[in-house]
Amino acid sequence: MKIALDLMGADQPAGVLLEGVYRYARDHREDELLALITKDEVLRDTDLIKPVYCEEVIKQEDPPTVVLKKRRSSMCIGLEMVADGSADGVISFGNTGALVIGGVAYVKRLENHMRPAICIAMPSVSSETWVLVDAGANAEADPEDLVDFAAYGSAYFRSLQGHSPRKVAILNVGKEDHKGSKLIQDASKLMKRMPEYAGFVEPDEILLPTVDVVVTWGLLGNVFLKTAEGVLDIVKTVVKNISEQGIRQKLGLGLIKNDLTGAFKKFDYRSYGVSPILGLTGNVLKGHGKSDPEAVYNALRTGKLLMERDTIGSVKEELIRWREKRSSRS
């Protein structure tokens, strides 16, 4: 497997990300890893990792459309490698918006009218994984787009879990059929013929989880995602503050330290480390900008799994299945 890694423009310095790449390279010598970096970065071991030097960097603060201009950037070169077949996939830890626009511009959509979407494997209190789609690629969407997103999420879930999802639902403010915007109502009507469609799901239930795939559009999905991350950070801060209040509090928390560690680990984004942008003709994957070496290692592990299991092919199959049911509705 040949994997391109855009290591520039993340929240973490490239050197931090490279530590995870070194670890993965030592454990998976059968894979060819292409590190897209500037000449300011130094590789310790070019026998394990091949450097691809780039002249430009797309920064987090750059507007997403800059990807159309900085053709010599690490991100653009990685996307072009996927487009021309010189890499099986690219993993970028940089600007999310630029990666989505660049994916459409260089790798191309599966179909001209389709919107790409970010699929995220989400944790739950029961340790079961579920999929959220779209988590930030689209500020707007049509009902037909949500049907496509359901197909993306189903394909991603199958690639991760090895079986199809049992329940697919639309994120909404309530479960009742009459609730939600016209977009949500119309999308629900299009999905009703699918046996796995479970109607609506509320935000306070999906971390349990009650369904396998949750469908929404990027604006709402990203709001939910950042709210969930913020709540977890608040809980960690509260626990830390309690531990600093005195010896009694420290002793009490010490008794449940292992339980707390295990609970927090369930919600650690580093477990998968990467999220595919589906709806494109090639493997374009987004790693968390704050990734540490462990997250980078897992991003490579998960990325390779998705490529080996032909997630793009699964998306095509799911699109046909969902659309056939949609077109046969009465």
Protein backbone atom coordinates (compact mmCIF):
# COMPACT_ATOMS: atom_id res chain seq x y z
CA MET A 1 0.00 0.00 0.00
CA LYS A 2 1.35 3.42 -0.98
CA ILE A 3 0.09 6.20 1.31
CA ALA A 4 0.84 9.92 0.96
CA LEU A 5 0.94 11.93 4.19
CA ASP A 6 0.36 15.69 4.19
CA LEU A 7 2.18 16.63 7.40
CA MET A 8 2.27 20.40 6.92
CA GLY A 9 -0.15 23.03 8.20
CA ALA A 10 -1.51 21.04 11.15
CA ASP A 11 -1.91 22.35 14.70
CA GLN A 12 1.08 20.20 15.64
CA PRO A 13 4.57 20.65 14.11
CA ALA A 14 5.48 18.18 11.38
CA GLY A 15 8.15 16.70 13.66
CA VAL A 16 5.51 15.57 16.16
CA LEU A 17 3.43 13.92 13.43
CA LEU A 18 6.52 12.21 12.01
CA GLU A 19 7.05 10.34 15.28
CA GLY A 20 3.80 8.49 14.66
CA VAL A 21 4.81 7.81 11.06
CA TYR A 22 8.14 6.32 12.22
CA ARG A 23 6.33 4.00 14.62
CA TYR A 24 3.93 2.83 11.94
CA ALA A 25 6.71 2.40 9.36
CA ARG A 26 8.69 0.13 11.70
CA ASP A 27 5.62 -2.05 12.31
CA HIS A 28 4.41 -2.11 8.68
CA ARG A 29 7.45 -2.34 6.43
CA GLU A 30 5.30 -3.67 3.61
CA ASP A 31 3.72 -0.22 3.12
CA GLU A 32 5.33 2.64 1.21
CA LEU A 33 4.93 5.92 3.09
CA LEU A 34 5.41 9.25 1.32
CA ALA A 35 5.98 12.16 3.72
CA LEU A 36 4.93 15.45 2.10
CA ILE A 37 7.08 18.04 3.87
CA THR A 38 9.12 21.17 3.25
CA LYS A 39 12.91 21.10 3.02
CA ASP A 40 13.08 22.59 6.53
CA GLU A 41 11.98 19.22 7.93
CA VAL A 42 14.55 16.45 8.39
CA LEU A 43 13.73 12.73 8.18
CA ARG A 44 15.65 10.40 10.47
CA ASP A 45 15.16 7.30 8.35
CA THR A 46 14.64 7.58 4.60
CA ASP A 47 14.78 3.79 4.29
CA LEU A 48 11.38 3.59 5.99
CA ILE A 49 9.81 6.84 4.78
CA LYS A 50 10.26 8.53 1.43
CA PRO A 51 10.33 12.36 1.58
CA VAL A 52 8.43 14.36 -1.04
CA TYR A 53 9.54 17.97 -0.68
CA CYS A 54 7.01 20.73 -1.28
CA GLU A 55 7.51 24.45 -1.76
CA GLU A 56 4.26 25.73 -0.25
CA VAL A 57 2.13 25.11 2.85
CA ILE A 58 -1.60 25.60 3.30
CA LYS A 59 -2.08 26.95 6.81
CA GLN A 60 -5.03 26.46 9.14
CA GLU A 61 -5.90 30.16 8.93
CA ASP A 62 -5.87 30.20 5.12
CA PRO A 63 -9.23 30.44 3.32
CA PRO A 64 -10.16 27.00 1.93
CA THR A 65 -10.07 28.18 -1.69
CA VAL A 66 -6.31 28.79 -1.41
CA VAL A 67 -5.93 25.10 -2.31
CA LEU A 68 -6.80 26.07 -5.88
CA LYS A 69 -3.84 28.45 -6.01
CA LYS A 70 -1.09 26.79 -3.97
CA ARG A 71 -0.51 24.00 -6.45
CA ARG A 72 2.97 23.29 -5.05
CA SER A 73 1.70 22.81 -1.49
CA SER A 74 1.95 19.50 0.35
CA MET A 75 -1.83 19.12 0.29
CA CYS A 76 -2.18 19.69 -3.45
CA ILE A 77 0.68 17.35 -4.30
CA GLY A 78 -0.86 14.63 -2.12
CA LEU A 79 -4.26 15.05 -3.78
CA GLU A 80 -2.70 14.96 -7.24
CA MET A 81 -0.90 11.73 -6.32
CA VAL A 82 -4.27 10.13 -5.58
CA ALA A 83 -5.74 11.55 -8.78
CA ASP A 84 -2.97 10.19 -11.02
CA GLY A 85 -2.69 6.86 -9.20
CA SER A 86 0.82 7.35 -7.82
CA ALA A 87 -0.61 6.91 -4.29
CA ASP A 88 -3.44 4.69 -3.04
CA GLY A 89 -4.62 7.44 -0.75
CA VAL A 90 -3.68 10.65 1.04
CA ILE A 91 -4.02 11.46 4.73
CA SER A 92 -3.90 15.17 5.58
CA PHE A 93 -3.70 16.73 9.04
CA GLY A 94 -4.16 20.24 7.65
CA ASN A 95 -6.95 22.65 6.74
CA THR A 96 -10.24 20.70 6.53
CA GLY A 97 -12.07 23.09 4.23
CA ALA A 98 -9.13 23.21 1.82
CA LEU A 99 -8.95 19.41 1.78
CA VAL A 100 -12.63 19.12 0.86
CA ILE A 101 -12.37 21.71 -1.92
CA GLY A 102 -9.10 20.23 -3.11
CA GLY A 103 -10.60 16.75 -3.14
CA VAL A 104 -13.37 17.95 -5.45
CA ALA A 105 -10.98 19.94 -7.66
CA TYR A 106 -8.20 17.36 -8.08
CA VAL A 107 -9.55 13.92 -7.17
CA LYS A 108 -13.07 14.67 -8.50
CA ARG A 109 -16.52 13.62 -7.35
CA LEU A 110 -17.97 10.17 -7.98
CA GLU A 111 -20.77 11.97 -9.83
CA ASN A 112 -20.88 15.60 -10.92
CA HIS A 113 -23.88 16.56 -8.80
CA MET A 114 -22.75 14.83 -5.61
CA ARG A 115 -21.55 16.58 -2.49
CA PRO A 116 -18.62 15.04 -0.63
CA ALA A 117 -19.10 14.51 3.10
CA ILE A 118 -16.89 13.89 6.13
CA CYS A 119 -17.65 10.60 7.88
CA ILE A 120 -16.53 10.23 11.48
CA ALA A 121 -16.39 7.06 13.57
CA MET A 122 -17.86 8.13 16.89
CA PRO A 123 -17.48 6.55 20.35
CA SER A 124 -20.24 5.74 22.79
CA VAL A 125 -20.71 4.93 26.46
CA SER A 126 -21.23 1.27 25.51
CA SER A 127 -17.95 1.18 23.52
CA GLU A 128 -19.91 0.50 20.32
CA THR A 129 -18.83 2.58 17.34
CA TRP A 130 -21.34 4.54 15.28
CA VAL A 131 -20.86 6.85 12.29
CA LEU A 132 -21.72 10.55 11.94
CA VAL A 133 -22.06 12.01 8.44
CA ASP A 134 -21.70 14.87 7.42
CA ALA A 135 -19.37 16.27 10.09
CA GLY A 136 -18.42 19.53 8.41
CA ALA A 137 -18.04 19.47 4.63
CA ASN A 138 -21.35 21.13 3.69
CA ALA A 139 -22.98 24.22 5.17
CA GLU A 140 -26.07 23.48 3.06
CA ALA A 141 -27.65 20.35 1.63
CA ASP A 142 -30.68 19.06 -0.26
CA PRO A 143 -32.87 16.09 0.77
CA GLU A 144 -31.22 14.00 -1.98
CA ASP A 145 -27.82 14.82 -0.47
CA LEU A 146 -28.88 13.34 2.87
CA VAL A 147 -29.82 10.13 1.08
CA ASP A 148 -26.31 10.05 -0.43
CA PHE A 149 -24.85 10.74 3.03
CA ALA A 150 -26.77 7.76 4.39
CA ALA A 151 -25.11 5.63 1.70
CA TYR A 152 -21.67 7.05 2.59
CA GLY A 153 -22.20 6.34 6.28
CA SER A 154 -23.45 2.81 5.61
CA ALA A 155 -20.39 2.05 3.46
CA TYR A 156 -18.00 3.46 6.06
CA PHE A 157 -19.67 1.55 8.88
CA ARG A 158 -19.41 -1.68 6.88
CA SER A 159 -15.71 -1.08 6.17
CA LEU A 160 -15.02 -0.56 9.86
CA GLN A 161 -17.26 -3.20 11.40
CA GLY A 162 -17.39 -5.85 8.69
CA HIS A 163 -21.20 -5.84 8.50
CA SER A 164 -23.93 -3.47 7.36
CA PRO A 165 -25.57 -1.07 9.81
CA ARG A 166 -28.77 -2.21 11.45
CA LYS A 167 -30.22 1.28 11.99
CA VAL A 168 -29.72 4.54 10.10
CA ALA A 169 -31.37 7.71 11.40
CA ILE A 170 -31.55 11.44 10.72
CA LEU A 171 -30.44 13.85 13.46
CA ASN A 172 -33.43 15.93 14.56
CA VAL A 173 -34.88 17.90 17.46
CA GLY A 174 -37.38 15.15 18.23
CA LYS A 175 -38.47 11.65 17.21
CA GLU A 176 -42.00 12.56 16.20
CA ASP A 177 -42.72 12.41 12.45
CA HIS A 178 -43.96 16.01 12.29
CA LYS A 179 -40.81 17.57 13.80
CA GLY A 180 -37.90 19.12 11.97
CA SER A 181 -37.28 21.42 9.02
CA LYS A 182 -38.56 20.86 5.47
CA LEU A 183 -35.11 19.49 4.55
CA ILE A 184 -35.34 16.85 7.27
CA GLN A 185 -38.96 16.00 6.51
CA ASP A 186 -38.30 15.60 2.79
CA ALA A 187 -35.16 13.53 3.37
CA SER A 188 -37.09 11.24 5.70
CA LYS A 189 -39.73 10.64 3.02
CA LEU A 190 -36.99 9.64 0.56
CA MET A 191 -35.46 7.15 3.02
CA LYS A 192 -38.59 5.46 4.33
CA ARG A 193 -38.42 2.47 1.98
CA MET A 194 -35.00 1.42 3.32
CA PRO A 195 -35.34 -1.43 5.84
CA GLU A 196 -32.60 0.00 8.08
CA TYR A 197 -34.06 3.50 8.19
CA ALA A 198 -35.07 4.14 11.80
CA GLY A 199 -36.53 7.64 11.53
CA PHE A 200 -35.23 10.47 13.69
CA VAL A 201 -32.76 10.45 16.55
CA GLU A 202 -32.18 13.21 19.11
CA PRO A 203 -28.71 14.52 20.03
CA ASP A 204 -28.96 13.37 23.66
CA GLU A 205 -29.34 9.72 22.58
CA ILE A 206 -26.68 9.16 19.96
CA LEU A 207 -23.78 8.67 22.37
CA LEU A 208 -25.57 5.69 23.93
CA PRO A 209 -25.84 4.69 20.94
CA THR A 210 -29.31 3.81 19.68
CA VAL A 211 -28.41 3.70 15.96
CA ASP A 212 -25.38 2.81 13.82
CA VAL A 213 -25.36 5.72 11.35
CA VAL A 214 -26.54 9.28 12.06
CA VAL A 215 -27.19 11.49 9.03
CA THR A 216 -27.16 15.28 9.01
CA TRP A 217 -25.55 18.08 7.01
CA GLY A 218 -22.15 19.61 7.70
CA LEU A 219 -23.18 22.72 9.59
CA LEU A 220 -25.31 20.89 12.14
CA GLY A 221 -22.94 17.90 12.25
CA ASN A 222 -19.94 20.08 13.02
CA VAL A 223 -21.84 21.99 15.71
CA PHE A 224 -22.76 18.68 17.37
CA LEU A 225 -19.20 17.36 17.07
CA LYS A 226 -17.58 20.45 18.60
CA THR A 227 -20.21 20.59 21.35
CA ALA A 228 -19.51 16.95 22.26
CA GLU A 229 -15.75 17.59 22.29
CA GLY A 230 -16.30 20.70 24.43
CA VAL A 231 -18.45 18.85 26.96
CA LEU A 232 -15.78 16.15 27.33
CA ASP A 233 -13.11 18.81 27.88
CA ILE A 234 -15.29 20.44 30.54
CA VAL A 235 -15.75 17.12 32.35
CA LYS A 236 -11.99 16.54 32.33
CA THR A 237 -11.42 20.07 33.68
CA VAL A 238 -13.97 19.54 36.45
CA VAL A 239 -12.30 16.28 37.47
CA LYS A 240 -8.89 17.97 37.48
CA ASN A 241 -10.18 20.87 39.58
CA ILE A 242 -11.68 18.45 42.10
CA SER A 243 -8.35 16.61 42.39
CA GLU A 244 -6.62 19.88 43.28
CA GLN A 245 -9.00 20.78 46.11
CA GLY A 246 -7.39 18.68 48.80
CA ILE A 247 -6.10 15.30 49.97
CA ARG A 248 -9.60 13.88 50.50
CA GLN A 249 -10.58 14.63 46.92
CA LYS A 250 -7.32 13.20 45.58
CA LEU A 251 -7.81 10.00 47.53
CA GLY A 252 -11.40 9.69 46.34
CA LEU A 253 -10.48 10.15 42.70
CA GLY A 254 -7.52 7.82 43.17
CA LEU A 255 -9.93 5.01 43.98
CA ILE A 256 -11.68 5.39 40.63
CA LYS A 257 -8.70 6.54 38.55
CA ASN A 258 -8.65 3.43 36.37
CA ASP A 259 -12.40 3.65 35.80
CA LEU A 260 -12.13 7.32 34.80
CA THR A 261 -9.21 6.61 32.49
CA GLY A 262 -11.14 3.82 30.78
CA ALA A 263 -14.25 6.00 30.43
CA PHE A 264 -12.31 8.89 28.89
CA LYS A 265 -10.48 6.53 26.55
CA LYS A 266 -13.79 5.47 25.00
CA PHE A 267 -14.21 9.03 23.73
CA ASP A 268 -10.63 9.53 22.53
CA TYR A 269 -10.47 10.66 18.88
CA ARG A 270 -7.06 8.99 18.63
CA SER A 271 -8.69 5.54 18.54
CA TYR A 272 -9.32 5.80 14.79
CA GLY A 273 -7.25 8.90 14.08
CA VAL A 274 -8.72 9.62 10.65
CA SER A 275 -12.01 10.35 8.88
CA PRO A 276 -12.68 9.70 5.18
CA ILE A 277 -14.11 12.36 2.89
CA LEU A 278 -16.53 10.23 0.86
CA GLY A 279 -18.21 11.00 -2.42
CA LEU A 280 -14.85 11.31 -4.22
CA THR A 281 -13.26 8.95 -6.73
CA GLY A 282 -10.21 8.30 -4.54
CA ASN A 283 -9.13 7.85 -0.92
CA VAL A 284 -8.90 11.27 0.75
CA LEU A 285 -8.74 11.11 4.53
CA LYS A 286 -8.62 13.78 7.22
CA GLY A 287 -6.55 13.38 10.36
CA HIS A 288 -7.19 15.52 13.43
CA GLY A 289 -5.12 18.72 13.40
CA LYS A 290 -4.14 18.15 17.03
CA SER A 291 -2.96 14.59 16.39
CA ASP A 292 -0.11 13.26 18.51
CA PRO A 293 2.07 10.27 17.47
CA GLU A 294 -0.53 7.76 18.70
CA ALA A 295 -3.27 9.41 16.64
CA VAL A 296 -1.03 9.48 13.55
CA TYR A 297 -0.24 5.77 13.99
CA ASN A 298 -3.94 4.96 14.21
CA ALA A 299 -4.73 7.25 11.27
CA LEU A 300 -2.40 5.16 9.13
CA ARG A 301 -3.78 1.90 10.51
CA THR A 302 -7.40 2.91 9.86
CA GLY A 303 -6.59 4.55 6.53
CA LYS A 304 -4.96 1.39 5.26
CA LEU A 305 -7.95 -0.67 6.44
CA LEU A 306 -10.38 1.54 4.51
CA MET A 307 -8.27 1.31 1.36
CA GLU A 308 -7.88 -2.47 1.63
CA ARG A 309 -11.61 -2.94 2.14
CA ASP A 310 -12.36 -0.72 -0.88
CA THR A 311 -14.58 1.78 0.89
CA ILE A 312 -14.95 3.74 -2.36
CA GLY A 313 -16.38 0.62 -4.01
CA SER A 314 -18.73 0.12 -1.06
CA VAL A 315 -19.95 3.70 -1.44
CA LYS A 316 -20.86 3.03 -5.08
CA GLU A 317 -22.79 -0.11 -4.08
CA GLU A 318 -24.64 1.67 -1.30
CA LEU A 319 -25.53 4.61 -3.54
CA ILE A 320 -27.20 2.26 -6.02
CA ARG A 321 -29.10 0.47 -3.25
CA TRP A 322 -30.38 3.63 -1.53
CA ARG A 323 -31.29 5.32 -4.82
CA GLU A 324 -33.17 2.31 -6.17
CA LYS A 325 -35.34 2.25 -3.07
CA ARG A 326 -35.81 6.02 -3.26
CA SER A 327 -36.92 5.91 -6.91
CA SER A 328 -39.37 3.07 -6.23
CA ARG A 329 -41.30 4.97 -3.54
CA SER A 330 -44.99 5.41 -4.13
